[in-house]
């Protein structure tokens, strides 16, 4: 059974940093594409960054240069390092992967950026 557990969210002032973690079980992160998505209040869930099995990464234009996605193979964990946070980064961040036609999501972790 695939499980994704996010952590690391919180309240931070604009300009600050947070590192989110997504611990996976039931899959091996090196074999899958794993993505981080953000859902702002009242808005759709959108892709922020993803890391592929070959370590290629993609980023939404709004976070390029500020966020970095990475993984620790030994811990089967995917990270999202977020720097220079801004109020518009506020939202619930979800970890996602796809396996055998099924999307898997974690429970999400709240990130709130204040002025």
C-alpha atoms as a PDB file:
ATOM      1  CA  UNK A   1       0.000   0.000   0.000  1.00  0.00           C
ATOM      2  CA  UNK A   2       1.370   3.373  -1.032  1.00  0.00           C
ATOM      3  CA  UNK A   3       1.549   6.030   1.650  1.00  0.00           C
ATOM      4  CA  UNK A   4       2.962   9.535   1.503  1.00  0.00           C
ATOM      5  CA  UNK A   5       3.431  11.513   4.696  1.00  0.00           C
ATOM      6  CA  UNK A   6       4.289  15.207   4.524  1.00  0.00           C
ATOM      7  CA  UNK A   7       5.755  17.330   7.263  1.00  0.00           C
ATOM      8  CA  UNK A   8       7.677  20.552   7.736  1.00  0.00           C
ATOM      9  CA  UNK A   9       5.026  23.164   7.151  1.00  0.00           C
ATOM     10  CA  UNK A  10       4.401  26.077   9.464  1.00  0.00           C
ATOM     11  CA  UNK A  11       4.110  29.816   9.833  1.00  0.00           C
ATOM     12  CA  UNK A  12       6.997  31.879   8.532  1.00  0.00           C
ATOM     13  CA  UNK A  13       7.607  35.529   7.756  1.00  0.00           C
ATOM     14  CA  UNK A  14       8.103  36.703   4.207  1.00  0.00           C
ATOM     15  CA  UNK A  15      11.676  36.116   3.132  1.00  0.00           C
ATOM     16  CA  UNK A  16      12.020  33.087   5.356  1.00  0.00           C
ATOM     17  CA  UNK A  17      12.619  29.438   4.541  1.00  0.00           C
ATOM     18  CA  UNK A  18      11.032  26.080   5.186  1.00  0.00           C
ATOM     19  CA  UNK A  19      11.915  22.539   4.185  1.00  0.00           C
ATOM     20  CA  UNK A  20       9.089  20.126   3.526  1.00  0.00           C
ATOM     21  CA  UNK A  21       9.550  16.370   3.710  1.00  0.00           C
ATOM     22  CA  UNK A  22       7.574  13.610   2.039  1.00  0.00           C
ATOM     23  CA  UNK A  23       8.282  10.155   3.435  1.00  0.00           C
ATOM     24  CA  UNK A  24       7.122   7.414   1.095  1.00  0.00           C
ATOM     25  CA  UNK A  25       6.224   3.806   1.795  1.00  0.00           C
ATOM     26  CA  UNK A  26       4.984   1.191  -0.622  1.00  0.00           C
ATOM     27  CA  UNK A  27       7.045   2.732  -3.410  1.00  0.00           C
ATOM     28  CA  UNK A  28      10.684   3.481  -3.979  1.00  0.00           C
ATOM     29  CA  UNK A  29      11.117   7.161  -4.746  1.00  0.00           C
ATOM     30  CA  UNK A  30      14.004   6.440  -7.109  1.00  0.00           C
ATOM     31  CA  UNK A  31      11.614   4.466  -9.348  1.00  0.00           C
ATOM     32  CA  UNK A  32       8.841   7.043  -9.534  1.00  0.00           C
ATOM     33  CA  UNK A  33       8.087  10.646 -10.364  1.00  0.00           C
ATOM     34  CA  UNK A  34       7.214  12.428  -7.132  1.00  0.00           C
ATOM     35  CA  UNK A  35       5.745  15.880  -7.116  1.00  0.00           C
ATOM     36  CA  UNK A  36       4.889  18.658  -4.701  1.00  0.00           C
ATOM     37  CA  UNK A  37       1.612  20.469  -5.265  1.00  0.00           C
ATOM     38  CA  UNK A  38       0.195  23.575  -3.616  1.00  0.00           C
ATOM     39  CA  UNK A  39      -3.426  24.391  -2.998  1.00  0.00           C
ATOM     40  CA  UNK A  40      -4.033  27.998  -2.099  1.00  0.00           C
ATOM     41  CA  UNK A  41      -7.242  28.924  -0.271  1.00  0.00           C
ATOM     42  CA  UNK A  42     -10.177  28.695  -2.658  1.00  0.00           C
ATOM     43  CA  UNK A  43      -8.001  27.633  -5.581  1.00  0.00           C
ATOM     44  CA  UNK A  44      -7.086  24.475  -7.449  1.00  0.00           C
ATOM     45  CA  UNK A  45      -4.201  22.245  -6.572  1.00  0.00           C
ATOM     46  CA  UNK A  46      -1.243  23.055  -8.839  1.00  0.00           C
ATOM     47  CA  UNK A  47       2.134  21.494  -9.437  1.00  0.00           C
ATOM     48  CA  UNK A  48       5.026  23.296  -7.760  1.00  0.00           C
ATOM     49  CA  UNK A  49       7.900  20.933  -8.518  1.00  0.00           C
ATOM     50  CA  UNK A  50       8.572  17.333  -9.415  1.00  0.00           C
ATOM     51  CA  UNK A  51      11.536  15.021  -9.490  1.00  0.00           C
ATOM     52  CA  UNK A  52      11.709  12.100 -11.880  1.00  0.00           C
ATOM     53  CA  UNK A  53      13.347   8.726 -11.525  1.00  0.00           C
ATOM     54  CA  UNK A  54      16.324   9.955 -13.563  1.00  0.00           C
ATOM     55  CA  UNK A  55      16.627  12.963 -11.189  1.00  0.00           C
ATOM     56  CA  UNK A  56      15.355  15.428 -13.779  1.00  0.00           C
ATOM     57  CA  UNK A  57      13.404  18.186 -12.087  1.00  0.00           C
ATOM     58  CA  UNK A  58      10.787  20.644 -13.223  1.00  0.00           C
ATOM     59  CA  UNK A  59       9.484  23.733 -11.464  1.00  0.00           C
ATOM     60  CA  UNK A  60       6.558  26.040 -11.800  1.00  0.00           C
ATOM     61  CA  UNK A  61       7.739  29.430 -13.043  1.00  0.00           C
ATOM     62  CA  UNK A  62       6.573  31.100  -9.836  1.00  0.00           C
ATOM     63  CA  UNK A  63       9.046  29.146  -7.687  1.00  0.00           C
ATOM     64  CA  UNK A  64      12.025  28.727 -10.013  1.00  0.00           C
ATOM     65  CA  UNK A  65      15.196  29.927  -8.341  1.00  0.00           C
ATOM     66  CA  UNK A  66      13.580  29.889  -4.886  1.00  0.00           C
ATOM     67  CA  UNK A  67      12.494  26.271  -4.367  1.00  0.00           C
ATOM     68  CA  UNK A  68      14.568  23.124  -4.758  1.00  0.00           C
ATOM     69  CA  UNK A  69      13.218  19.582  -4.916  1.00  0.00           C
ATOM     70  CA  UNK A  70      15.520  16.733  -3.963  1.00  0.00           C
ATOM     71  CA  UNK A  71      15.416  13.225  -2.620  1.00  0.00           C
ATOM     72  CA  UNK A  72      17.251  11.027  -0.152  1.00  0.00           C
ATOM     73  CA  UNK A  73      17.253   7.513  -1.527  1.00  0.00           C
ATOM     74  CA  UNK A  74      18.276   5.909   1.752  1.00  0.00           C
ATOM     75  CA  UNK A  75      15.385   7.568   3.589  1.00  0.00           C
ATOM     76  CA  UNK A  76      12.957   7.112   0.688  1.00  0.00           C
ATOM     77  CA  UNK A  77      12.079  10.764   1.164  1.00  0.00           C
ATOM     78  CA  UNK A  78      11.528  13.696  -1.170  1.00  0.00           C
ATOM     79  CA  UNK A  79      12.207  17.221   0.067  1.00  0.00           C
ATOM     80  CA  UNK A  80      11.124  20.664  -1.002  1.00  0.00           C
ATOM     81  CA  UNK A  81      13.461  23.405   0.168  1.00  0.00           C
ATOM     82  CA  UNK A  82      11.628  26.716  -0.004  1.00  0.00           C
ATOM     83  CA  UNK A  83      13.582  29.965   0.254  1.00  0.00           C
ATOM     84  CA  UNK A  84      12.578  33.604  -0.096  1.00  0.00           C
ATOM     85  CA  UNK A  85       9.012  32.719   0.798  1.00  0.00           C
ATOM     86  CA  UNK A  86       6.303  35.200  -0.075  1.00  0.00           C
ATOM     87  CA  UNK A  87       2.663  35.513   1.072  1.00  0.00           C
ATOM     88  CA  UNK A  88       1.477  34.139  -2.268  1.00  0.00           C
ATOM     89  CA  UNK A  89       3.233  30.856  -1.430  1.00  0.00           C
ATOM     90  CA  UNK A  90       0.654  30.262   1.322  1.00  0.00           C
ATOM     91  CA  UNK A  91      -1.323  27.069   0.953  1.00  0.00           C
ATOM     92  CA  UNK A  92      -1.486  23.392   1.716  1.00  0.00           C
ATOM     93  CA  UNK A  93       1.399  21.483   0.160  1.00  0.00           C
ATOM     94  CA  UNK A  94       0.749  17.932  -0.955  1.00  0.00           C
ATOM     95  CA  UNK A  95       3.100  15.184  -2.051  1.00  0.00           C
ATOM     96  CA  UNK A  96       2.003  13.079  -5.015  1.00  0.00           C
ATOM     97  CA  UNK A  97       3.012  10.047  -6.987  1.00  0.00           C
ATOM     98  CA  UNK A  98       1.379   7.837  -9.568  1.00  0.00           C
ATOM     99  CA  UNK A  99       1.429   4.048  -9.742  1.00  0.00           C
ATOM    100  CA  UNK A 100      -0.506   1.603 -11.923  1.00  0.00           C
ATOM    101  CA  UNK A 101      -3.088   4.150 -12.954  1.00  0.00           C
ATOM    102  CA  UNK A 102      -3.697   5.483  -9.472  1.00  0.00           C
ATOM    103  CA  UNK A 103      -2.776   8.881  -8.065  1.00  0.00           C
ATOM    104  CA  UNK A 104      -1.570   8.855  -4.489  1.00  0.00           C
ATOM    105  CA  UNK A 105      -1.624  11.901  -2.232  1.00  0.00           C
ATOM    106  CA  UNK A 106      -0.441  12.640   1.251  1.00  0.00           C
ATOM    107  CA  UNK A 107      -2.570  14.440   3.810  1.00  0.00           C
ATOM    108  CA  UNK A 108      -0.835  17.765   3.152  1.00  0.00           C
ATOM    109  CA  UNK A 109       1.098  20.214   5.262  1.00  0.00           C
ATOM    110  CA  UNK A 110       0.057  23.827   5.779  1.00  0.00           C
ATOM    111  CA  UNK A 111       2.441  26.626   4.860  1.00  0.00           C
ATOM    112  CA  UNK A 112       1.512  30.151   5.884  1.00  0.00           C
ATOM    113  CA  UNK A 113       3.703  33.102   4.945  1.00  0.00           C
ATOM    114  CA  UNK A 114       3.007  36.388   6.717  1.00  0.00           C
ATOM    115  CA  UNK A 115       4.112  39.876   5.779  1.00  0.00           C
END
